[in-house]
Each structure stands twice: as C-alpha cells, then as structure tokens.
Amino acid sequence: MSDFVSGGMKGFLDYGIDLKLESIEEETYYINQMCDYFNKSSSYKAYVTGDRSFEIELDRNTPMMEVLIRESVLYVVPYTDD
C-alpha cells in the first residue's frame, strides 16, 4: 500500500493536477481562493507570491512549499523532504 501512495505522490509532484481552467484569470482566482482557504483552515501561514502562486511557511522564516498553477495545472513544490 505504501508503494502505491508514495508512487501517487511522486506522480502528483512530477506532473501536477489538471484543473481544466480556461484562463489566466481563473487560475489567479483559484490560487487566491486556495491561499485564503489554507490560512483559515490550518495553523500554517500562506501568502501570495505571484499572480498564480503562493507559499506556505513552517514558521516566520522557513518557507515549506510553493503551490502554483501554470497552464491550468496545479503544482506543489516542496522545499523540504518533510
């Protein structure tokens, strides 16, 4: 089971998730909504870093990952192995 899960996570990290959005405006809206939701629903802090990306930080000086959308594909870029 863990090979299936780790393989799925590797695929997600390598290829992202196609959201089937139709414009840059939709991508921008989606990323802003995700950032807002993350701030309201978790103990981590998220902040918008570009028109279609945001970072999540572990603490005030330690960014943990970046979430971005390009050409309708959602990517997560981890900065650490944790």
PDB file of N, CA and C in Angstrom:
ATOM      1  N   MET A   1       0.816  -1.193   0.000  1.00  0.00           N
ATOM      2  CA  MET A   1       0.000   0.000   0.000  1.00  0.00           C
ATOM      3  C   MET A   1       0.860   1.256   0.000  1.00  0.00           C
ATOM      4  N   SER A   2       1.943   1.272   0.790  1.00  0.00           N
ATOM      5  CA  SER A   2       2.761   2.488   0.873  1.00  0.00           C
ATOM      6  C   SER A   2       3.447   2.779  -0.455  1.00  0.00           C
ATOM      7  N   ASP A   3       3.786   1.737  -1.254  1.00  0.00           N
ATOM      8  CA  ASP A   3       4.364   1.972  -2.575  1.00  0.00           C
ATOM      9  C   ASP A   3       3.358   2.661  -3.486  1.00  0.00           C
ATOM     10  N   PHE A   4       2.101   2.261  -3.379  1.00  0.00           N
ATOM     11  CA  PHE A   4       1.041   2.888  -4.166  1.00  0.00           C
ATOM     12  C   PHE A   4       0.890   4.354  -3.793  1.00  0.00           C
ATOM     13  N   VAL A   5       0.875   4.644  -2.496  1.00  0.00           N
ATOM     14  CA  VAL A   5       0.729   6.014  -2.027  1.00  0.00           C
ATOM     15  C   VAL A   5       1.946   6.841  -2.411  1.00  0.00           C
ATOM     16  N   SER A   6       3.150   6.333  -2.161  1.00  0.00           N
ATOM     17  CA  SER A   6       4.351   7.099  -2.500  1.00  0.00           C
ATOM     18  C   SER A   6       4.472   7.283  -4.008  1.00  0.00           C
ATOM     19  N   GLY A   7       4.058   6.290  -4.785  1.00  0.00           N
ATOM     20  CA  GLY A   7       4.063   6.428  -6.240  1.00  0.00           C
ATOM     21  C   GLY A   7       3.070   7.475  -6.708  1.00  0.00           C
ATOM     22  N   GLY A   8       1.912   7.516  -6.068  1.00  0.00           N
ATOM     23  CA  GLY A   8       0.910   8.533  -6.391  1.00  0.00           C
ATOM     24  C   GLY A   8       1.384   9.927  -6.045  1.00  0.00           C
ATOM     25  N   MET A   9       2.045  10.061  -4.909  1.00  0.00           N
ATOM     26  CA  MET A   9       2.585  11.361  -4.507  1.00  0.00           C
ATOM     27  C   MET A   9       3.683  11.798  -5.473  1.00  0.00           C
ATOM     28  N   LYS A  10       4.519  10.860  -5.897  1.00  0.00           N
ATOM     29  CA  LYS A  10       5.572  11.207  -6.847  1.00  0.00           C
ATOM     30  C   LYS A  10       4.959  11.688  -8.155  1.00  0.00           C
ATOM     31  N   GLY A  11       3.903  11.017  -8.620  1.00  0.00           N
ATOM     32  CA  GLY A  11       3.219  11.445  -9.836  1.00  0.00           C
ATOM     33  C   GLY A  11       2.614  12.826  -9.683  1.00  0.00           C
ATOM     34  N   PHE A  12       2.011  13.074  -8.527  1.00  0.00           N
ATOM     35  CA  PHE A  12       1.426  14.385  -8.247  1.00  0.00           C
ATOM     36  C   PHE A  12       2.504  15.461  -8.256  1.00  0.00           C
ATOM     37  N   LEU A  13       3.630  15.195  -7.597  1.00  0.00           N
ATOM     38  CA  LEU A  13       4.713  16.180  -7.543  1.00  0.00           C
ATOM     39  C   LEU A  13       5.367  16.380  -8.912  1.00  0.00           C
ATOM     40  N   ASP A  14       5.470  15.317  -9.692  1.00  0.00           N
ATOM     41  CA  ASP A  14       6.115  15.422 -11.011  1.00  0.00           C
ATOM     42  C   ASP A  14       5.219  16.058 -12.069  1.00  0.00           C
ATOM     43  N   TYR A  15       3.922  15.731 -12.040  1.00  0.00           N
ATOM     44  CA  TYR A  15       3.038  16.132 -13.145  1.00  0.00           C
ATOM     45  C   TYR A  15       1.916  17.084 -12.760  1.00  0.00           C
ATOM     46  N   GLY A  16       1.645  17.244 -11.475  1.00  0.00           N
ATOM     47  CA  GLY A  16       0.589  18.143 -11.044  1.00  0.00           C
ATOM     48  C   GLY A  16      -0.793  17.561 -11.280  1.00  0.00           C
ATOM     49  N   ILE A  17      -1.796  18.420 -11.138  1.00  0.00           N
ATOM     50  CA  ILE A  17      -3.197  18.045 -11.340  1.00  0.00           C
ATOM     51  C   ILE A  17      -3.806  19.022 -12.334  1.00  0.00           C
ATOM     52  N   ASP A  18      -4.377  18.497 -13.406  1.00  0.00           N
ATOM     53  CA  ASP A  18      -5.018  19.349 -14.406  1.00  0.00           C
ATOM     54  C   ASP A  18      -6.368  19.809 -13.867  1.00  0.00           C
ATOM     55  N   LEU A  19      -6.508  21.116 -13.675  1.00  0.00           N
ATOM     56  CA  LEU A  19      -7.740  21.680 -13.128  1.00  0.00           C
ATOM     57  C   LEU A  19      -8.767  22.031 -14.199  1.00  0.00           C
ATOM     58  N   LYS A  20      -8.347  21.982 -15.445  1.00  0.00           N
ATOM     59  CA  LYS A  20      -9.224  22.286 -16.587  1.00  0.00           C
ATOM     60  C   LYS A  20      -9.780  23.707 -16.515  1.00  0.00           C
ATOM     61  N   LEU A  21      -8.938  24.640 -16.089  1.00  0.00           N
ATOM     62  CA  LEU A  21      -9.315  26.056 -16.074  1.00  0.00           C
ATOM     63  C   LEU A  21      -9.121  26.632 -17.467  1.00  0.00           C
ATOM     64  N   GLU A  22      -9.852  27.693 -17.788  1.00  0.00           N
ATOM     65  CA  GLU A  22      -9.871  28.192 -19.159  1.00  0.00           C
ATOM     66  C   GLU A  22      -9.151  29.508 -19.371  1.00  0.00           C
ATOM     67  N   SER A  23      -8.649  30.140 -18.304  1.00  0.00           N
ATOM     68  CA  SER A  23      -7.978  31.429 -18.491  1.00  0.00           C
ATOM     69  C   SER A  23      -7.019  31.710 -17.335  1.00  0.00           C
ATOM     70  N   ILE A  24      -6.138  32.660 -17.567  1.00  0.00           N
ATOM     71  CA  ILE A  24      -5.226  33.098 -16.515  1.00  0.00           C
ATOM     72  C   ILE A  24      -6.020  33.708 -15.362  1.00  0.00           C
ATOM     73  N   GLU A  25      -7.103  34.394 -15.680  1.00  0.00           N
ATOM     74  CA  GLU A  25      -7.946  34.987 -14.641  1.00  0.00           C
ATOM     75  C   GLU A  25      -8.532  33.905 -13.722  1.00  0.00           C
ATOM     76  N   GLU A  26      -8.959  32.791 -14.297  1.00  0.00           N
ATOM     77  CA  GLU A  26      -9.460  31.687 -13.484  1.00  0.00           C
ATOM     78  C   GLU A  26      -8.350  31.101 -12.622  1.00  0.00           C
ATOM     79  N   GLU A  27      -7.149  30.986 -13.178  1.00  0.00           N
ATOM     80  CA  GLU A  27      -6.011  30.471 -12.420  1.00  0.00           C
ATOM     81  C   GLU A  27      -5.694  31.390 -11.242  1.00  0.00           C
ATOM     82  N   THR A  28      -5.708  32.701 -11.483  1.00  0.00           N
ATOM     83  CA  THR A  28      -5.442  33.683 -10.433  1.00  0.00           C
ATOM     84  C   THR A  28      -6.508  33.604  -9.345  1.00  0.00           C
ATOM     85  N   TYR A  29      -7.754  33.537  -9.740  1.00  0.00           N
ATOM     86  CA  TYR A  29      -8.852  33.425  -8.784  1.00  0.00           C
ATOM     87  C   TYR A  29      -8.695  32.154  -7.938  1.00  0.00           C
ATOM     88  N   TYR A  30      -8.424  31.040  -8.593  1.00  0.00           N
ATOM     89  CA  TYR A  30      -8.301  29.747  -7.923  1.00  0.00           C
ATOM     90  C   TYR A  30      -7.162  29.775  -6.906  1.00  0.00           C
ATOM     91  N   ILE A  31      -6.015  30.329  -7.272  1.00  0.00           N
ATOM     92  CA  ILE A  31      -4.870  30.355  -6.359  1.00  0.00           C
ATOM     93  C   ILE A  31      -5.155  31.252  -5.158  1.00  0.00           C
ATOM     94  N   ASN A  32      -5.832  32.371  -5.370  1.00  0.00           N
ATOM     95  CA  ASN A  32      -6.186  33.260  -4.257  1.00  0.00           C
ATOM     96  C   ASN A  32      -7.174  32.593  -3.305  1.00  0.00           C
ATOM     97  N   GLN A  33      -8.141  31.883  -3.845  1.00  0.00           N
ATOM     98  CA  GLN A  33      -9.110  31.168  -3.009  1.00  0.00           C
ATOM     99  C   GLN A  33      -8.424  30.066  -2.209  1.00  0.00           C
ATOM    100  N   MET A  34      -7.507  29.344  -2.838  1.00  0.00           N
ATOM    101  CA  MET A  34      -6.778  28.292  -2.138  1.00  0.00           C
ATOM    102  C   MET A  34      -5.939  28.870  -1.000  1.00  0.00           C
ATOM    103  N   CYS A  35      -5.262  29.973  -1.249  1.00  0.00           N
ATOM    104  CA  CYS A  35      -4.425  30.617  -0.237  1.00  0.00           C
ATOM    105  C   CYS A  35      -5.293  31.065   0.945  1.00  0.00           C
ATOM    106  N   ASP A  36      -6.415  31.706   0.656  1.00  0.00           N
ATOM    107  CA  ASP A  36      -7.331  32.143   1.712  1.00  0.00           C
ATOM    108  C   ASP A  36      -7.848  30.953   2.521  1.00  0.00           C
ATOM    109  N   TYR A  37      -8.250  29.904   1.823  1.00  0.00           N
ATOM    110  CA  TYR A  37      -8.754  28.708   2.496  1.00  0.00           C
ATOM    111  C   TYR A  37      -7.675  28.097   3.393  1.00  0.00           C
ATOM    112  N   PHE A  38      -6.449  28.019   2.879  1.00  0.00           N
ATOM    113  CA  PHE A  38      -5.361  27.445   3.653  1.00  0.00           C
ATOM    114  C   PHE A  38      -5.124  28.244   4.929  1.00  0.00           C
ATOM    115  N   ASN A  39      -5.151  29.570   4.841  1.00  0.00           N
ATOM    116  CA  ASN A  39      -4.948  30.409   6.020  1.00  0.00           C
ATOM    117  C   ASN A  39      -6.063  30.226   7.048  1.00  0.00           C
ATOM    118  N   LYS A  40      -7.275  30.014   6.594  1.00  0.00           N
ATOM    119  CA  LYS A  40      -8.409  29.856   7.506  1.00  0.00           C
ATOM    120  C   LYS A  40      -8.488  28.457   8.108  1.00  0.00           C
ATOM    121  N   SER A  41      -7.937  27.461   7.411  1.00  0.00           N
ATOM    122  CA  SER A  41      -8.153  26.068   7.802  1.00  0.00           C
ATOM    123  C   SER A  41      -6.934  25.357   8.372  1.00  0.00           C
ATOM    124  N   SER A  42      -5.808  26.034   8.490  1.00  0.00           N
ATOM    125  CA  SER A  42      -4.617  25.366   9.014  1.00  0.00           C
ATOM    126  C   SER A  42      -3.866  26.283   9.972  1.00  0.00           C
ATOM    127  N   SER A  43      -2.912  25.716  10.647  1.00  0.00           N
ATOM    128  CA  SER A  43      -2.091  26.507  11.571  1.00  0.00           C
ATOM    129  C   SER A  43      -0.879  27.122  10.880  1.00  0.00           C
ATOM    130  N   TYR A  44      -0.652  26.750   9.621  1.00  0.00           N
ATOM    131  CA  TYR A  44       0.455  27.324   8.854  1.00  0.00           C
ATOM    132  C   TYR A  44       0.018  28.624   8.197  1.00  0.00           C
ATOM    133  N   LYS A  45       0.988  29.439   7.843  1.00  0.00           N
ATOM    134  CA  LYS A  45       0.704  30.717   7.185  1.00  0.00           C
ATOM    135  C   LYS A  45       0.987  30.591   5.695  1.00  0.00           C
ATOM    136  N   ALA A  46       0.076  31.068   4.883  1.00  0.00           N
ATOM    137  CA  ALA A  46       0.252  31.076   3.434  1.00  0.00           C
ATOM    138  C   ALA A  46       0.179  32.510   2.951  1.00  0.00           C
ATOM    139  N   TYR A  47       0.966  32.824   1.939  1.00  0.00           N
ATOM    140  CA  TYR A  47       0.935  34.176   1.374  1.00  0.00           C
ATOM    141  C   TYR A  47       1.173  34.118  -0.125  1.00  0.00           C
ATOM    142  N   VAL A  48       0.463  34.954  -0.839  1.00  0.00           N
ATOM    143  CA  VAL A  48       0.556  35.005  -2.295  1.00  0.00           C
ATOM    144  C   VAL A  48       1.932  35.537  -2.679  1.00  0.00           C
ATOM    145  N   THR A  49       2.580  34.851  -3.606  1.00  0.00           N
ATOM    146  CA  THR A  49       3.922  35.254  -4.049  1.00  0.00           C
ATOM    147  C   THR A  49       3.948  35.702  -5.505  1.00  0.00           C
ATOM    148  N   GLY A  50       2.877  35.484  -6.212  1.00  0.00           N
ATOM    149  CA  GLY A  50       2.777  35.876  -7.616  1.00  0.00           C
ATOM    150  C   GLY A  50       1.322  35.853  -8.013  1.00  0.00           C
ATOM    151  N   ASP A  51       1.045  36.146  -9.266  1.00  0.00           N
ATOM    152  CA  ASP A  51      -0.359  36.182  -9.672  1.00  0.00           C
ATOM    153  C   ASP A  51      -0.996  34.795  -9.679  1.00  0.00           C
ATOM    154  N   ARG A  52      -0.182  33.744  -9.751  1.00  0.00           N
ATOM    155  CA  ARG A  52      -0.721  32.390  -9.766  1.00  0.00           C
ATOM    156  C   ARG A  52       0.078  31.447  -8.873  1.00  0.00           C
ATOM    157  N   SER A  53       0.545  31.963  -7.722  1.00  0.00           N
ATOM    158  CA  SER A  53       1.294  31.113  -6.799  1.00  0.00           C
ATOM    159  C   SER A  53       1.204  31.637  -5.371  1.00  0.00           C
ATOM    160  N   PHE A  54       1.388  30.725  -4.421  1.00  0.00           N
ATOM    161  CA  PHE A  54       1.526  31.118  -3.026  1.00  0.00           C
ATOM    162  C   PHE A  54       2.479  30.165  -2.334  1.00  0.00           C
ATOM    163  N   GLU A  55       3.076  30.646  -1.243  1.00  0.00           N
ATOM    164  CA  GLU A  55       3.976  29.835  -0.439  1.00  0.00           C
ATOM    165  C   GLU A  55       3.336  29.562   0.912  1.00  0.00           C
ATOM    166  N   ILE A  56       3.693  28.432   1.469  1.00  0.00           N
ATOM    167  CA  ILE A  56       3.265  28.061   2.805  1.00  0.00           C
ATOM    168  C   ILE A  56       4.520  27.990   3.652  1.00  0.00           C
ATOM    169  N   GLU A  57       4.470  28.640   4.808  1.00  0.00           N
ATOM    170  CA  GLU A  57       5.663  28.646   5.646  1.00  0.00           C
ATOM    171  C   GLU A  57       5.446  27.863   6.935  1.00  0.00           C
ATOM    172  N   LEU A  58       6.520  27.205   7.351  1.00  0.00           N
ATOM    173  CA  LEU A  58       6.530  26.436   8.585  1.00  0.00           C
ATOM    174  C   LEU A  58       6.540  27.377   9.781  1.00  0.00           C
ATOM    175  N   ASP A  59       7.362  28.387   9.700  1.00  0.00           N
ATOM    176  CA  ASP A  59       7.379  29.462  10.681  1.00  0.00           C
ATOM    177  C   ASP A  59       7.724  30.741   9.933  1.00  0.00           C
ATOM    178  N   ARG A  60       7.933  31.794  10.648  1.00  0.00           N
ATOM    179  CA  ARG A  60       8.091  33.099  10.009  1.00  0.00           C
ATOM    180  C   ARG A  60       9.241  33.195   9.012  1.00  0.00           C
ATOM    181  N   ASN A  61      10.272  32.404   9.187  1.00  0.00           N
ATOM    182  CA  ASN A  61      11.444  32.479   8.318  1.00  0.00           C
ATOM    183  C   ASN A  61      11.708  31.213   7.523  1.00  0.00           C
ATOM    184  N   THR A  62      10.781  30.261   7.549  1.00  0.00           N
ATOM    185  CA  THR A  62      11.030  28.982   6.902  1.00  0.00           C
ATOM    186  C   THR A  62       9.913  28.611   5.933  1.00  0.00           C
ATOM    187  N   PRO A  63      10.051  28.987   4.650  1.00  0.00           N
ATOM    188  CA  PRO A  63       9.053  28.544   3.685  1.00  0.00           C
ATOM    189  C   PRO A  63       9.118  27.022   3.515  1.00  0.00           C
ATOM    190  N   MET A  64       7.963  26.390   3.449  1.00  0.00           N
ATOM    191  CA  MET A  64       7.870  24.939   3.401  1.00  0.00           C
ATOM    192  C   MET A  64       7.600  24.426   1.979  1.00  0.00           C
ATOM    193  N   MET A  65       6.729  25.135   1.248  1.00  0.00           N
ATOM    194  CA  MET A  65       6.395  24.708  -0.110  1.00  0.00           C
ATOM    195  C   MET A  65       5.755  25.851  -0.887  1.00  0.00           C
ATOM    196  N   GLU A  66       5.737  25.684  -2.186  1.00  0.00           N
ATOM    197  CA  GLU A  66       5.055  26.627  -3.064  1.00  0.00           C
ATOM    198  C   GLU A  66       3.954  25.882  -3.801  1.00  0.00           C
ATOM    199  N   VAL A  67       2.820  26.531  -3.946  1.00  0.00           N
ATOM    200  CA  VAL A  67       1.689  25.999  -4.707  1.00  0.00           C
ATOM    201  C   VAL A  67       1.503  26.949  -5.878  1.00  0.00           C
ATOM    202  N   LEU A  68       1.463  26.406  -7.093  1.00  0.00           N
ATOM    203  CA  LEU A  68       1.312  27.266  -8.257  1.00  0.00           C
ATOM    204  C   LEU A  68       0.458  26.614  -9.328  1.00  0.00           C
ATOM    205  N   ILE A  69      -0.098  27.453 -10.169  1.00  0.00           N
ATOM    206  CA  ILE A  69      -0.890  26.987 -11.304  1.00  0.00           C
ATOM    207  C   ILE A  69      -0.292  27.581 -12.556  1.00  0.00           C
ATOM    208  N   ARG A  70       0.009  26.711 -13.525  1.00  0.00           N
ATOM    209  CA  ARG A  70       0.508  27.134 -14.835  1.00  0.00           C
ATOM    210  C   ARG A  70      -0.197  26.313 -15.905  1.00  0.00           C
ATOM    211  N   GLU A  71      -0.756  26.995 -16.869  1.00  0.00           N
ATOM    212  CA  GLU A  71      -1.473  26.347 -17.973  1.00  0.00           C
ATOM    213  C   GLU A  71      -2.513  25.354 -17.450  1.00  0.00           C
ATOM    214  N   SER A  72      -3.237  25.773 -16.417  1.00  0.00           N
ATOM    215  CA  SER A  72      -4.335  25.031 -15.803  1.00  0.00           C
ATOM    216  C   SER A  72      -3.889  23.829 -14.969  1.00  0.00           C
ATOM    217  N   VAL A  73      -2.597  23.664 -14.748  1.00  0.00           N
ATOM    218  CA  VAL A  73      -2.098  22.541 -13.952  1.00  0.00           C
ATOM    219  C   VAL A  73      -1.626  23.052 -12.590  1.00  0.00           C
ATOM    220  N   LEU A  74      -2.122  22.414 -11.528  1.00  0.00           N
ATOM    221  CA  LEU A  74      -1.747  22.741 -10.156  1.00  0.00           C
ATOM    222  C   LEU A  74      -0.502  21.947  -9.786  1.00  0.00           C
ATOM    223  N   TYR A  75       0.533  22.646  -9.344  1.00  0.00           N
ATOM    224  CA  TYR A  75       1.775  22.018  -8.911  1.00  0.00           C
ATOM    225  C   TYR A  75       2.041  22.368  -7.457  1.00  0.00           C
ATOM    226  N   VAL A  76       2.690  21.448  -6.761  1.00  0.00           N
ATOM    227  CA  VAL A  76       3.178  21.697  -5.405  1.00  0.00           C
ATOM    228  C   VAL A  76       4.674  21.446  -5.441  1.00  0.00           C
ATOM    229  N   VAL A  77       5.449  22.457  -4.996  1.00  0.00           N
ATOM    230  CA  VAL A  77       6.903  22.336  -4.998  1.00  0.00           C
ATOM    231  C   VAL A  77       7.376  22.359  -3.544  1.00  0.00           C
ATOM    232  N   PRO A  78       7.716  21.198  -2.991  1.00  0.00           N
ATOM    233  CA  PRO A  78       8.183  21.178  -1.607  1.00  0.00           C
ATOM    234  C   PRO A  78       9.608  21.733  -1.523  1.00  0.00           C
ATOM    235  N   TYR A  79       9.884  22.469  -0.464  1.00  0.00           N
ATOM    236  CA  TYR A  79      11.225  22.999  -0.225  1.00  0.00           C
ATOM    237  C   TYR A  79      12.015  22.099   0.707  1.00  0.00           C
ATOM    238  N   THR A  80      11.339  21.191   1.399  1.00  0.00           N
ATOM    239  CA  THR A  80      11.990  20.248   2.306  1.00  0.00           C
ATOM    240  C   THR A  80      11.448  18.851   2.053  1.00  0.00           C
ATOM    241  N   ASP A  81      12.124  17.866   2.576  1.00  0.00           N
ATOM    242  CA  ASP A  81      11.651  16.490   2.440  1.00  0.00           C
ATOM    243  C   ASP A  81      10.571  16.136   3.449  1.00  0.00           C
ATOM    244  N   ASP A  82      10.372  17.004   4.446  1.00  0.00           N
ATOM    245  CA  ASP A  82       9.357  16.745   5.469  1.00  0.00           C
ATOM    246  C   ASP A  82       8.018  17.084   4.907  1.00  0.00           C
TER     247      ASP A  82
END
